[in-house]
Amino acid sequence: MSIASMSLADWLPVIFIGLMGLAVLVYAVLDGYDLGVGILLPLGANDELQRDTMIASIGPFWDANETWLVLAVGLLLIAFPTAHSMVLMHLYIPTAIMLIGLIMRGVAFDFRAKAAVDHKLTWDRTFKAGSLLTSLTQGYMLGQYVMGFESGWSAQLFSALSAVGVTAAYSYIGAAWLIMKTEGALQQRAIRWTHRAGRAAFVGVVAVSLVNPLVNPGVFDRWFTFPLVMFVLLIPMLCFFAFAANEILLRRLPKVDDRHSWIPFVNVVLVFLLCFAGLAFSFYPQIVPGQLDIWQAASATESLLFILVGALIVVPAILAYTVFSYRVFRGKATELRYH
């Protein structure tokens, strides 16, 4: 289908898959770092002050970050209902487990503020467990999606690999966030965490990048067809350079006046963006790999036009609020106080 011959009915699914892709990407970055902070939460008896600082670094943002997940699922439901039904049918159980993890995080975050001192560590453990459970299930669901919801042992093995890889990636961006938002001993600790999580995430990205084209012949053909291969291979090359740049920079941090402490986080965001671009290139215009494309799954044109009006109001509003909140709460995390 050429661009010149596309009608409004053809363009609307493209617009909505773009909006949904934006929501998923922003969610992966924003909720990714606060899930990563939860995964990294130290549980030692002498770590209470550092736990408080880590919680304070995500406190103003973490709840609003999940808005992007709600937006992505909402767009899938109303713009691509057939795909929503198909995805949920295959991922009902892991979705339920993910929601349990998100509930554990929400309950623990609020209850740790009201719990007796002796019970505070229990809620911190719950927050960490909820973060880990959420990350693993999201990675598992991504693996299942890439494998076209196959049920064989190879698909399950790939999904397990994806679960570990996504958890490592969230830990990577969470640790980089802590470098930017903390100082002193906790910042030094975050630098070590970023080193280790970055190496684990790199192995995960390489493994998934190698397995994906091998198990999906269509993906292999798309990536390695000449002359397109000369351009698309820039994606993994840039991703490698982002990992390498962080590895070099982390050896030189922290610097005087905390210079360059924001660069590791920006590099990890670049890694997320490139990985997302690689996945989008691999499967577009399919919304369910090997089964359904965006035009087959889309709602009626009249419905999409009606929904688009709301989306053009809601999405900029969420973007504006997100930018505003991050601007207001910029700078280092301060001592955690509950009022």
C-alpha atoms as a PDB file:
ATOM      1  CA  MET A   1       0.000   0.000   0.000  1.00  0.00           C
ATOM      2  CA  SER A   2       1.594   3.269  -1.124  1.00  0.00           C
ATOM      3  CA  ILE A   3       1.330   6.444   0.969  1.00  0.00           C
ATOM      4  CA  ALA A   4      -0.216   8.376  -1.930  1.00  0.00           C
ATOM      5  CA  SER A   5      -3.062   5.872  -2.271  1.00  0.00           C
ATOM      6  CA  MET A   6      -3.931   5.729   1.444  1.00  0.00           C
ATOM      7  CA  SER A   7      -7.354   7.056   2.417  1.00  0.00           C
ATOM      8  CA  LEU A   8      -8.505   8.403   5.797  1.00  0.00           C
ATOM      9  CA  ALA A   9      -9.690   4.902   6.720  1.00  0.00           C
ATOM     10  CA  ASP A  10      -6.148   3.648   6.029  1.00  0.00           C
ATOM     11  CA  TRP A  11      -4.435   6.464   7.930  1.00  0.00           C
ATOM     12  CA  LEU A  12      -6.455   6.305  11.148  1.00  0.00           C
ATOM     13  CA  PRO A  13      -5.094   2.877  12.264  1.00  0.00           C
ATOM     14  CA  VAL A  14      -1.576   4.166  11.564  1.00  0.00           C
ATOM     15  CA  ILE A  15      -2.214   7.226  13.742  1.00  0.00           C
ATOM     16  CA  PHE A  16      -3.571   5.117  16.581  1.00  0.00           C
ATOM     17  CA  ILE A  17      -0.774   2.559  16.469  1.00  0.00           C
ATOM     18  CA  GLY A  18       1.612   5.523  16.621  1.00  0.00           C
ATOM     19  CA  LEU A  19      -0.157   6.908  19.700  1.00  0.00           C
ATOM     20  CA  MET A  20      -0.182   3.476  21.305  1.00  0.00           C
ATOM     21  CA  GLY A  21       3.513   3.030  20.519  1.00  0.00           C
ATOM     22  CA  LEU A  22       4.266   6.408  22.104  1.00  0.00           C
ATOM     23  CA  ALA A  23       2.354   5.419  25.248  1.00  0.00           C
ATOM     24  CA  VAL A  24       4.170   2.071  25.512  1.00  0.00           C
ATOM     25  CA  LEU A  25       7.599   3.678  24.997  1.00  0.00           C
ATOM     26  CA  VAL A  26       7.019   6.455  27.532  1.00  0.00           C
ATOM     27  CA  TYR A  27       5.653   3.902  30.007  1.00  0.00           C
ATOM     28  CA  ALA A  28       8.681   1.639  29.562  1.00  0.00           C
ATOM     29  CA  VAL A  29      11.035   4.554  30.283  1.00  0.00           C
ATOM     30  CA  LEU A  30       9.153   6.256  33.109  1.00  0.00           C
ATOM     31  CA  ASP A  31       7.661   3.319  34.971  1.00  0.00           C
ATOM     32  CA  GLY A  32      10.748   1.337  33.991  1.00  0.00           C
ATOM     33  CA  TYR A  33      13.040   3.448  36.156  1.00  0.00           C
ATOM     34  CA  ASP A  34      10.735   3.420  39.192  1.00  0.00           C
ATOM     35  CA  LEU A  35      10.260  -0.343  38.861  1.00  0.00           C
ATOM     36  CA  GLY A  36      14.046  -0.562  38.658  1.00  0.00           C
ATOM     37  CA  VAL A  37      14.431   1.475  41.846  1.00  0.00           C
ATOM     38  CA  GLY A  38      12.016  -0.909  43.557  1.00  0.00           C
ATOM     39  CA  ILE A  39      13.957  -3.948  42.329  1.00  0.00           C
ATOM     40  CA  LEU A  40      17.227  -2.453  43.603  1.00  0.00           C
ATOM     41  CA  LEU A  41      15.817  -1.499  47.015  1.00  0.00           C
ATOM     42  CA  PRO A  42      18.371  -2.765  49.613  1.00  0.00           C
ATOM     43  CA  LEU A  43      16.853  -4.662  52.538  1.00  0.00           C
ATOM     44  CA  GLY A  44      19.717  -4.637  55.039  1.00  0.00           C
ATOM     45  CA  ALA A  45      19.154  -3.520  58.611  1.00  0.00           C
ATOM     46  CA  ASN A  46      21.458  -0.540  58.083  1.00  0.00           C
ATOM     47  CA  ASP A  47      19.930   0.526  54.753  1.00  0.00           C
ATOM     48  CA  GLU A  48      16.818   2.292  56.027  1.00  0.00           C
ATOM     49  CA  LEU A  49      18.066   5.801  55.221  1.00  0.00           C
ATOM     50  CA  GLN A  50      19.073   4.775  51.699  1.00  0.00           C
ATOM     51  CA  ARG A  51      15.713   3.058  51.180  1.00  0.00           C
ATOM     52  CA  ASP A  52      13.957   6.266  52.222  1.00  0.00           C
ATOM     53  CA  THR A  53      16.045   8.314  49.787  1.00  0.00           C
ATOM     54  CA  MET A  54      15.384   5.874  46.950  1.00  0.00           C
ATOM     55  CA  ILE A  55      11.649   5.980  47.624  1.00  0.00           C
ATOM     56  CA  ALA A  56      11.813   9.783  47.802  1.00  0.00           C
ATOM     57  CA  SER A  57      13.500   9.905  44.369  1.00  0.00           C
ATOM     58  CA  ILE A  58      10.448   8.305  42.727  1.00  0.00           C
ATOM     59  CA  GLY A  59       7.755   9.461  45.150  1.00  0.00           C
ATOM     60  CA  PRO A  60       6.413  12.415  43.123  1.00  0.00           C
ATOM     61  CA  PHE A  61       6.348  10.446  39.859  1.00  0.00           C
ATOM     62  CA  TRP A  62       5.732   6.721  40.199  1.00  0.00           C
ATOM     63  CA  ASP A  63       1.941   6.747  40.415  1.00  0.00           C
ATOM     64  CA  ALA A  64       1.528   9.136  37.474  1.00  0.00           C
ATOM     65  CA  ASN A  65       4.013   7.087  35.404  1.00  0.00           C
ATOM     66  CA  GLU A  66       1.517   4.220  35.325  1.00  0.00           C
ATOM     67  CA  THR A  67      -0.960   6.511  33.549  1.00  0.00           C
ATOM     68  CA  TRP A  68       0.875   5.689  30.331  1.00  0.00           C
ATOM     69  CA  LEU A  69       0.144   1.978  30.767  1.00  0.00           C
ATOM     70  CA  VAL A  70      -3.548   2.748  31.232  1.00  0.00           C
ATOM     71  CA  LEU A  71      -3.442   4.930  28.108  1.00  0.00           C
ATOM     72  CA  ALA A  72      -1.743   2.219  26.027  1.00  0.00           C
ATOM     73  CA  VAL A  73      -4.212  -0.488  27.096  1.00  0.00           C
ATOM     74  CA  GLY A  74      -7.136   1.903  26.591  1.00  0.00           C
ATOM     75  CA  LEU A  75      -6.024   2.728  23.055  1.00  0.00           C
ATOM     76  CA  LEU A  76      -5.612  -0.972  22.284  1.00  0.00           C
ATOM     77  CA  LEU A  77      -9.115  -1.692  23.586  1.00  0.00           C
ATOM     78  CA  ILE A  78     -10.990   1.069  21.771  1.00  0.00           C
ATOM     79  CA  ALA A  79      -8.949   1.364  18.564  1.00  0.00           C
ATOM     80  CA  PHE A  80      -8.019  -2.307  18.021  1.00  0.00           C
ATOM     81  CA  PRO A  81     -10.635  -4.372  19.909  1.00  0.00           C
ATOM     82  CA  THR A  82      -9.966  -7.575  17.960  1.00  0.00           C
ATOM     83  CA  ALA A  83      -6.278  -7.438  18.849  1.00  0.00           C
ATOM     84  CA  HIS A  84      -7.132  -6.575  22.477  1.00  0.00           C
ATOM     85  CA  SER A  85      -9.311  -9.688  22.760  1.00  0.00           C
ATOM     86  CA  MET A  86      -6.672 -11.889  21.151  1.00  0.00           C
ATOM     87  CA  VAL A  87      -3.827 -10.561  23.303  1.00  0.00           C
ATOM     88  CA  LEU A  88      -5.806 -10.760  26.538  1.00  0.00           C
ATOM     89  CA  MET A  89      -6.983 -14.278  25.720  1.00  0.00           C
ATOM     90  CA  HIS A  90      -3.369 -15.472  25.567  1.00  0.00           C
ATOM     91  CA  LEU A  91      -2.002 -13.290  28.375  1.00  0.00           C
ATOM     92  CA  TYR A  92      -4.850 -13.340  30.876  1.00  0.00           C
ATOM     93  CA  ILE A  93      -2.906 -15.109  33.639  1.00  0.00           C
ATOM     94  CA  PRO A  94       0.353 -13.090  33.357  1.00  0.00           C
ATOM     95  CA  THR A  95      -1.727  -9.890  33.166  1.00  0.00           C
ATOM     96  CA  ALA A  96      -3.471 -10.845  36.406  1.00  0.00           C
ATOM     97  CA  ILE A  97      -0.102 -11.557  38.021  1.00  0.00           C
ATOM     98  CA  MET A  98       1.235  -8.199  36.811  1.00  0.00           C
ATOM     99  CA  LEU A  99      -1.764  -6.434  38.351  1.00  0.00           C
ATOM    100  CA  ILE A 100      -1.074  -8.197  41.641  1.00  0.00           C
ATOM    101  CA  GLY A 101       2.485  -6.860  41.488  1.00  0.00           C
ATOM    102  CA  LEU A 102       1.247  -3.322  40.792  1.00  0.00           C
ATOM    103  CA  ILE A 103      -1.229  -3.559  43.676  1.00  0.00           C
ATOM    104  CA  MET A 104       1.529  -4.769  46.006  1.00  0.00           C
ATOM    105  CA  ARG A 105       3.621  -1.741  45.024  1.00  0.00           C
ATOM    106  CA  GLY A 106       0.771   0.714  45.561  1.00  0.00           C
ATOM    107  CA  VAL A 107      -0.265  -0.722  48.917  1.00  0.00           C
ATOM    108  CA  ALA A 108       3.316  -0.964  50.178  1.00  0.00           C
ATOM    109  CA  PHE A 109       4.168   2.588  49.098  1.00  0.00           C
ATOM    110  CA  ASP A 110       1.275   4.033  51.102  1.00  0.00           C
ATOM    111  CA  PHE A 111       1.428   1.671  54.080  1.00  0.00           C
ATOM    112  CA  ARG A 112       5.158   2.156  54.696  1.00  0.00           C
ATOM    113  CA  ALA A 113       4.304   5.774  55.538  1.00  0.00           C
ATOM    114  CA  LYS A 114       1.817   4.732  58.238  1.00  0.00           C
ATOM    115  CA  ALA A 115       3.304   1.489  59.547  1.00  0.00           C
ATOM    116  CA  ALA A 116       5.013   1.158  62.907  1.00  0.00           C
ATOM    117  CA  VAL A 117       8.801   1.269  62.713  1.00  0.00           C
ATOM    118  CA  ASP A 118       9.008  -2.504  63.278  1.00  0.00           C
ATOM    119  CA  HIS A 119       6.762  -3.153  60.236  1.00  0.00           C
ATOM    120  CA  LYS A 120       8.314  -0.670  57.813  1.00  0.00           C
ATOM    121  CA  LEU A 121      10.836  -3.184  56.500  1.00  0.00           C
ATOM    122  CA  THR A 122       8.003  -5.624  55.727  1.00  0.00           C
ATOM    123  CA  TRP A 123       6.359  -3.067  53.467  1.00  0.00           C
ATOM    124  CA  ASP A 124       9.693  -2.271  51.828  1.00  0.00           C
ATOM    125  CA  ARG A 125      10.078  -5.976  51.073  1.00  0.00           C
ATOM    126  CA  THR A 126       6.552  -5.982  49.636  1.00  0.00           C
ATOM    127  CA  PHE A 127       7.403  -3.000  47.429  1.00  0.00           C
ATOM    128  CA  LYS A 128      10.521  -4.766  46.167  1.00  0.00           C
ATOM    129  CA  ALA A 129       8.643  -8.035  45.556  1.00  0.00           C
ATOM    130  CA  GLY A 130       5.856  -6.201  43.714  1.00  0.00           C
ATOM    131  CA  SER A 131       8.391  -4.393  41.522  1.00  0.00           C
ATOM    132  CA  LEU A 132      10.174  -7.644  40.682  1.00  0.00           C
ATOM    133  CA  LEU A 133       6.924  -9.485  39.972  1.00  0.00           C
ATOM    134  CA  THR A 134       5.684  -6.694  37.698  1.00  0.00           C
ATOM    135  CA  SER A 135       8.958  -6.545  35.753  1.00  0.00           C
ATOM    136  CA  LEU A 136       9.211 -10.303  35.253  1.00  0.00           C
ATOM    137  CA  THR A 137       5.619 -10.624  34.042  1.00  0.00           C
ATOM    138  CA  GLN A 138       5.977  -7.693  31.647  1.00  0.00           C
ATOM    139  CA  GLY A 139       9.112  -9.293  30.200  1.00  0.00           C
ATOM    140  CA  TYR A 140       7.361 -12.645  29.931  1.00  0.00           C
ATOM    141  CA  MET A 141       4.405 -11.058  28.117  1.00  0.00           C
ATOM    142  CA  LEU A 142       6.768  -9.318  25.698  1.00  0.00           C
ATOM    143  CA  GLY A 143       8.423 -12.653  24.949  1.00  0.00           C
ATOM    144  CA  GLN A 144       5.067 -14.316  24.359  1.00  0.00           C
ATOM    145  CA  TYR A 145       4.027 -11.486  22.051  1.00  0.00           C
ATOM    146  CA  VAL A 146       7.228 -11.728  19.995  1.00  0.00           C
ATOM    147  CA  MET A 147       6.754 -15.500  19.699  1.00  0.00           C
ATOM    148  CA  GLY A 148       3.186 -15.064  18.424  1.00  0.00           C
ATOM    149  CA  PHE A 149       1.731 -16.608  21.621  1.00  0.00           C
ATOM    150  CA  GLU A 150       3.082 -20.071  20.865  1.00  0.00           C
ATOM    151  CA  SER A 151       2.876 -22.559  23.730  1.00  0.00           C
ATOM    152  CA  GLY A 152       5.859 -24.830  22.992  1.00  0.00           C
ATOM    153  CA  TRP A 153       8.916 -25.164  25.216  1.00  0.00           C
ATOM    154  CA  SER A 154      11.037 -22.986  22.925  1.00  0.00           C
ATOM    155  CA  ALA A 155       8.500 -20.133  23.216  1.00  0.00           C
ATOM    156  CA  GLN A 156       8.427 -20.520  26.983  1.00  0.00           C
ATOM    157  CA  LEU A 157      12.222 -20.495  27.131  1.00  0.00           C
ATOM    158  CA  PHE A 158      12.359 -17.339  25.015  1.00  0.00           C
ATOM    159  CA  SER A 159       9.703 -15.718  27.217  1.00  0.00           C
ATOM    160  CA  ALA A 160      11.725 -16.561  30.330  1.00  0.00           C
ATOM    161  CA  LEU A 161      14.803 -15.010  28.684  1.00  0.00           C
ATOM    162  CA  SER A 162      12.744 -11.917  27.854  1.00  0.00           C
ATOM    163  CA  ALA A 163      11.489 -11.723  31.458  1.00  0.00           C
ATOM    164  CA  VAL A 164      15.035 -11.672  32.815  1.00  0.00           C
ATOM    165  CA  GLY A 165      16.165  -9.228  30.116  1.00  0.00           C
ATOM    166  CA  VAL A 166      13.377  -6.720  30.807  1.00  0.00           C
ATOM    167  CA  THR A 167      14.023  -6.958  34.560  1.00  0.00           C
ATOM    168  CA  ALA A 168      17.718  -6.254  33.952  1.00  0.00           C
ATOM    169  CA  ALA A 169      16.811  -3.319  31.675  1.00  0.00           C
ATOM    170  CA  TYR A 170      14.502  -1.829  34.319  1.00  0.00           C
ATOM    171  CA  SER A 171      17.232  -2.254  36.933  1.00  0.00           C
ATOM    172  CA  TYR A 172      19.655  -0.537  34.538  1.00  0.00           C
ATOM    173  CA  ILE A 173      17.483   2.538  34.009  1.00  0.00           C
ATOM    174  CA  GLY A 174      16.519   2.599  37.699  1.00  0.00           C
ATOM    175  CA  ALA A 175      20.163   2.613  38.790  1.00  0.00           C
ATOM    176  CA  ALA A 176      20.971   5.346  36.246  1.00  0.00           C
ATOM    177  CA  TRP A 177      18.064   7.379  37.636  1.00  0.00           C
ATOM    178  CA  LEU A 178      19.547   7.067  41.127  1.00  0.00           C
ATOM    179  CA  ILE A 179      22.925   8.336  39.887  1.00  0.00           C
ATOM    180  CA  MET A 180      21.155  11.448  38.642  1.00  0.00           C
ATOM    181  CA  LYS A 181      18.904  11.941  41.700  1.00  0.00           C
ATOM    182  CA  THR A 182      21.155  11.034  44.647  1.00  0.00           C
ATOM    183  CA  GLU A 183      24.592  11.849  46.032  1.00  0.00           C
ATOM    184  CA  GLY A 184      27.188  10.510  48.430  1.00  0.00           C
ATOM    185  CA  ALA A 185      27.307   6.846  49.403  1.00  0.00           C
ATOM    186  CA  LEU A 186      24.010   6.001  47.707  1.00  0.00           C
ATOM    187  CA  GLN A 187      25.190   7.524  44.432  1.00  0.00           C
ATOM    188  CA  GLN A 188      28.378   5.452  44.624  1.00  0.00           C
ATOM    189  CA  ARG A 189      26.266   2.374  45.190  1.00  0.00           C
ATOM    190  CA  ALA A 190      24.019   3.309  42.261  1.00  0.00           C
ATOM    191  CA  ILE A 191      27.081   3.538  40.000  1.00  0.00           C
ATOM    192  CA  ARG A 192      28.000  -0.055  40.899  1.00  0.00           C
ATOM    193  CA  TRP A 193      24.408  -1.172  40.324  1.00  0.00           C
ATOM    194  CA  THR A 194      24.382   0.528  36.917  1.00  0.00           C
ATOM    195  CA  HIS A 195      27.601  -1.274  35.940  1.00  0.00           C
ATOM    196  CA  ARG A 196      26.193  -4.691  36.810  1.00  0.00           C
ATOM    197  CA  ALA A 197      22.667  -4.146  35.496  1.00  0.00           C
ATOM    198  CA  GLY A 198      24.042  -2.636  32.276  1.00  0.00           C
ATOM    199  CA  ARG A 199      26.104  -5.711  31.526  1.00  0.00           C
ATOM    200  CA  ALA A 200      23.139  -7.998  32.251  1.00  0.00           C
ATOM    201  CA  ALA A 201      20.867  -5.840  30.072  1.00  0.00           C
ATOM    202  CA  PHE A 202      23.430  -5.890  27.260  1.00  0.00           C
ATOM    203  CA  VAL A 203      23.531  -9.696  27.310  1.00  0.00           C
ATOM    204  CA  GLY A 204      19.724  -9.768  27.292  1.00  0.00           C
ATOM    205  CA  VAL A 205      19.451  -7.356  24.350  1.00  0.00           C
ATOM    206  CA  VAL A 206      22.013  -9.347  22.330  1.00  0.00           C
ATOM    207  CA  ALA A 207      20.309 -12.660  23.128  1.00  0.00           C
ATOM    208  CA  VAL A 208      16.834 -11.426  22.176  1.00  0.00           C
ATOM    209  CA  SER A 209      18.204  -9.729  19.029  1.00  0.00           C
ATOM    210  CA  LEU A 210      19.771 -12.997  17.904  1.00  0.00           C
ATOM    211  CA  VAL A 211      16.836 -15.248  18.772  1.00  0.00           C
ATOM    212  CA  ASN A 212      14.057 -13.048  17.361  1.00  0.00           C
ATOM    213  CA  PRO A 213      15.070 -13.231  13.649  1.00  0.00           C
ATOM    214  CA  LEU A 214      15.894 -16.927  13.995  1.00  0.00           C
ATOM    215  CA  VAL A 215      12.425 -17.889  15.255  1.00  0.00           C
ATOM    216  CA  ASN A 216      10.581 -15.399  13.006  1.00  0.00           C
ATOM    217  CA  PRO A 217      11.601 -15.846   9.336  1.00  0.00           C
ATOM    218  CA  GLY A 218       9.671 -12.715   8.350  1.00  0.00           C
ATOM    219  CA  VAL A 219      11.703 -10.660  10.812  1.00  0.00           C
ATOM    220  CA  PHE A 220      14.934 -12.124   9.425  1.00  0.00           C
ATOM    221  CA  ASP A 221      13.949 -11.196   5.878  1.00  0.00           C
ATOM    222  CA  ARG A 222      13.005  -7.669   6.919  1.00  0.00           C
ATOM    223  CA  TRP A 223      16.282  -7.005   8.726  1.00  0.00           C
ATOM    224  CA  PHE A 224      18.689  -8.625   6.293  1.00  0.00           C
ATOM    225  CA  THR A 225      17.289  -7.674   2.892  1.00  0.00           C
ATOM    226  CA  PHE A 226      19.780  -5.668   0.815  1.00  0.00           C
ATOM    227  CA  PRO A 227      20.054  -2.651   0.549  1.00  0.00           C
ATOM    228  CA  LEU A 228      17.785  -1.922   3.555  1.00  0.00           C
ATOM    229  CA  VAL A 229      20.179  -3.835   5.803  1.00  0.00           C
ATOM    230  CA  MET A 230      22.750  -1.042   5.343  1.00  0.00           C
ATOM    231  CA  PHE A 231      20.438   1.380   7.164  1.00  0.00           C
ATOM    232  CA  VAL A 232      18.583  -0.697   9.750  1.00  0.00           C
ATOM    233  CA  LEU A 233      21.779  -2.182  11.178  1.00  0.00           C
ATOM    234  CA  LEU A 234      22.478   1.323  12.476  1.00  0.00           C
ATOM    235  CA  ILE A 235      19.949   0.536  15.230  1.00  0.00           C
ATOM    236  CA  PRO A 236      22.001  -2.242  16.918  1.00  0.00           C
ATOM    237  CA  MET A 237      25.228  -0.317  16.257  1.00  0.00           C
ATOM    238  CA  LEU A 238      23.936   2.801  18.024  1.00  0.00           C
ATOM    239  CA  CYS A 239      22.609   0.630  20.836  1.00  0.00           C
ATOM    240  CA  PHE A 240      26.054  -0.932  21.290  1.00  0.00           C
ATOM    241  CA  PHE A 241      27.690   2.502  21.376  1.00  0.00           C
ATOM    242  CA  ALA A 242      25.197   3.698  24.027  1.00  0.00           C
ATOM    243  CA  PHE A 243      26.076   0.716  26.225  1.00  0.00           C
ATOM    244  CA  ALA A 244      29.798   1.277  25.628  1.00  0.00           C
ATOM    245  CA  ALA A 245      29.571   5.018  26.358  1.00  0.00           C
ATOM    246  CA  ASN A 246      27.914   4.300  29.697  1.00  0.00           C
ATOM    247  CA  GLU A 247      30.512   1.680  30.580  1.00  0.00           C
ATOM    248  CA  ILE A 248      33.306   4.211  29.994  1.00  0.00           C
ATOM    249  CA  LEU A 249      31.553   7.117  31.723  1.00  0.00           C
ATOM    250  CA  LEU A 250      30.596   5.123  34.829  1.00  0.00           C
ATOM    251  CA  ARG A 251      34.281   4.503  35.551  1.00  0.00           C
ATOM    252  CA  ARG A 252      34.761   8.282  35.839  1.00  0.00           C
ATOM    253  CA  LEU A 253      31.787   9.095  38.029  1.00  0.00           C
ATOM    254  CA  PRO A 254      31.112  10.874  40.296  1.00  0.00           C
ATOM    255  CA  LYS A 255      32.782  14.049  39.094  1.00  0.00           C
ATOM    256  CA  VAL A 256      33.368  17.374  40.811  1.00  0.00           C
ATOM    257  CA  ASP A 257      30.117  19.340  41.240  1.00  0.00           C
ATOM    258  CA  ASP A 258      28.248  16.207  40.156  1.00  0.00           C
ATOM    259  CA  ARG A 259      28.876  16.989  36.492  1.00  0.00           C
ATOM    260  CA  HIS A 260      27.608  14.519  33.886  1.00  0.00           C
ATOM    261  CA  SER A 261      25.533  12.529  36.423  1.00  0.00           C
ATOM    262  CA  TRP A 262      22.542  12.820  34.067  1.00  0.00           C
ATOM    263  CA  ILE A 263      24.301  11.311  31.048  1.00  0.00           C
ATOM    264  CA  PRO A 264      23.992   7.614  32.063  1.00  0.00           C
ATOM    265  CA  PHE A 265      20.220   7.997  32.329  1.00  0.00           C
ATOM    266  CA  VAL A 266      20.012   9.658  28.907  1.00  0.00           C
ATOM    267  CA  ASN A 267      22.119   6.858  27.406  1.00  0.00           C
ATOM    268  CA  VAL A 268      19.815   4.208  28.877  1.00  0.00           C
ATOM    269  CA  VAL A 269      16.774   6.077  27.513  1.00  0.00           C
ATOM    270  CA  LEU A 270      18.510   5.946  24.112  1.00  0.00           C
ATOM    271  CA  VAL A 271      18.934   2.172  24.512  1.00  0.00           C
ATOM    272  CA  PHE A 272      15.221   1.835  25.293  1.00  0.00           C
ATOM    273  CA  LEU A 273      14.302   3.986  22.287  1.00  0.00           C
ATOM    274  CA  LEU A 274      16.510   1.966  19.924  1.00  0.00           C
ATOM    275  CA  CYS A 275      15.221  -1.391  21.206  1.00  0.00           C
ATOM    276  CA  PHE A 276      11.653  -0.172  20.792  1.00  0.00           C
ATOM    277  CA  ALA A 277      12.438   1.059  17.263  1.00  0.00           C
ATOM    278  CA  GLY A 278      13.907  -2.360  16.458  1.00  0.00           C
ATOM    279  CA  LEU A 279      10.774  -4.154  17.654  1.00  0.00           C
ATOM    280  CA  ALA A 280       8.514  -1.741  15.773  1.00  0.00           C
ATOM    281  CA  PHE A 281      10.518  -2.227  12.584  1.00  0.00           C
ATOM    282  CA  SER A 282      10.400  -5.997  13.030  1.00  0.00           C
ATOM    283  CA  PHE A 283       6.622  -6.297  13.238  1.00  0.00           C
ATOM    284  CA  TYR A 284       4.892  -3.221  11.769  1.00  0.00           C
ATOM    285  CA  PRO A 285       2.158  -3.208  10.474  1.00  0.00           C
ATOM    286  CA  GLN A 286       1.293  -6.397  12.373  1.00  0.00           C
ATOM    287  CA  ILE A 287      -0.317  -5.789  15.732  1.00  0.00           C
ATOM    288  CA  VAL A 288      -0.435  -9.496  16.605  1.00  0.00           C
ATOM    289  CA  PRO A 289       2.677 -11.064  15.000  1.00  0.00           C
ATOM    290  CA  GLY A 290       1.815 -13.491  12.231  1.00  0.00           C
ATOM    291  CA  GLN A 291      -1.927 -13.210  12.812  1.00  0.00           C
ATOM    292  CA  LEU A 292      -3.360  -9.709  12.519  1.00  0.00           C
ATOM    293  CA  ASP A 293      -2.329  -6.339  11.078  1.00  0.00           C
ATOM    294  CA  ILE A 294      -3.527  -2.924  12.233  1.00  0.00           C
ATOM    295  CA  TRP A 295      -6.119  -2.521   9.468  1.00  0.00           C
ATOM    296  CA  GLN A 296      -7.701  -5.912  10.168  1.00  0.00           C
ATOM    297  CA  ALA A 297      -7.879  -5.173  13.895  1.00  0.00           C
ATOM    298  CA  ALA A 298      -9.039  -1.558  13.720  1.00  0.00           C
ATOM    299  CA  SER A 299     -12.446  -0.281  14.809  1.00  0.00           C
ATOM    300  CA  ALA A 300     -14.823   1.293  12.290  1.00  0.00           C
ATOM    301  CA  THR A 301     -13.630   4.528  10.712  1.00  0.00           C
ATOM    302  CA  GLU A 302     -16.447   6.510  12.347  1.00  0.00           C
ATOM    303  CA  SER A 303     -15.473   5.168  15.767  1.00  0.00           C
ATOM    304  CA  LEU A 304     -11.790   5.973  15.221  1.00  0.00           C
ATOM    305  CA  LEU A 305     -12.649   9.543  14.185  1.00  0.00           C
ATOM    306  CA  PHE A 306     -14.695  10.027  17.352  1.00  0.00           C
ATOM    307  CA  ILE A 307     -11.959   8.528  19.520  1.00  0.00           C
ATOM    308  CA  LEU A 308      -9.304  10.653  17.821  1.00  0.00           C
ATOM    309  CA  VAL A 309     -10.936  13.849  19.096  1.00  0.00           C
ATOM    310  CA  GLY A 310     -10.584  12.606  22.664  1.00  0.00           C
ATOM    311  CA  ALA A 311      -7.047  11.363  22.091  1.00  0.00           C
ATOM    312  CA  LEU A 312      -5.964  14.747  20.738  1.00  0.00           C
ATOM    313  CA  ILE A 313      -7.119  16.277  24.037  1.00  0.00           C
ATOM    314  CA  VAL A 314      -5.985  13.591  26.489  1.00  0.00           C
ATOM    315  CA  VAL A 315      -2.510  12.767  25.131  1.00  0.00           C
ATOM    316  CA  PRO A 316      -1.213  16.391  25.070  1.00  0.00           C
ATOM    317  CA  ALA A 317      -2.708  16.926  28.550  1.00  0.00           C
ATOM    318  CA  ILE A 318      -0.858  13.902  29.950  1.00  0.00           C
ATOM    319  CA  LEU A 319       2.340  14.980  28.201  1.00  0.00           C
ATOM    320  CA  ALA A 320       2.022  18.506  29.609  1.00  0.00           C
ATOM    321  CA  TYR A 321       1.383  17.223  33.133  1.00  0.00           C
ATOM    322  CA  THR A 322       4.332  14.841  32.880  1.00  0.00           C
ATOM    323  CA  VAL A 323       6.713  17.586  31.738  1.00  0.00           C
ATOM    324  CA  PHE A 324       5.395  19.962  34.415  1.00  0.00           C
ATOM    325  CA  SER A 325       5.787  17.452  37.263  1.00  0.00           C
ATOM    326  CA  TYR A 326       9.336  16.548  36.274  1.00  0.00           C
ATOM    327  CA  ARG A 327      10.214  20.238  36.045  1.00  0.00           C
ATOM    328  CA  VAL A 328       8.783  21.000  39.487  1.00  0.00           C
ATOM    329  CA  PHE A 329      10.551  18.077  41.175  1.00  0.00           C
ATOM    330  CA  ARG A 330      13.868  18.344  39.307  1.00  0.00           C
ATOM    331  CA  GLY A 331      17.125  18.149  41.238  1.00  0.00           C
ATOM    332  CA  LYS A 332      18.388  15.771  43.876  1.00  0.00           C
ATOM    333  CA  ALA A 333      16.061  13.721  46.050  1.00  0.00           C
ATOM    334  CA  THR A 334      15.683  15.270  49.481  1.00  0.00           C
ATOM    335  CA  GLU A 335      15.027  13.703  52.865  1.00  0.00           C
ATOM    336  CA  LEU A 336      11.789  11.754  52.865  1.00  0.00           C
ATOM    337  CA  ARG A 337       9.063  13.268  55.047  1.00  0.00           C
ATOM    338  CA  TYR A 338       5.447  12.184  55.485  1.00  0.00           C
ATOM    339  CA  HIS A 339       2.828  14.732  56.501  1.00  0.00           C
END
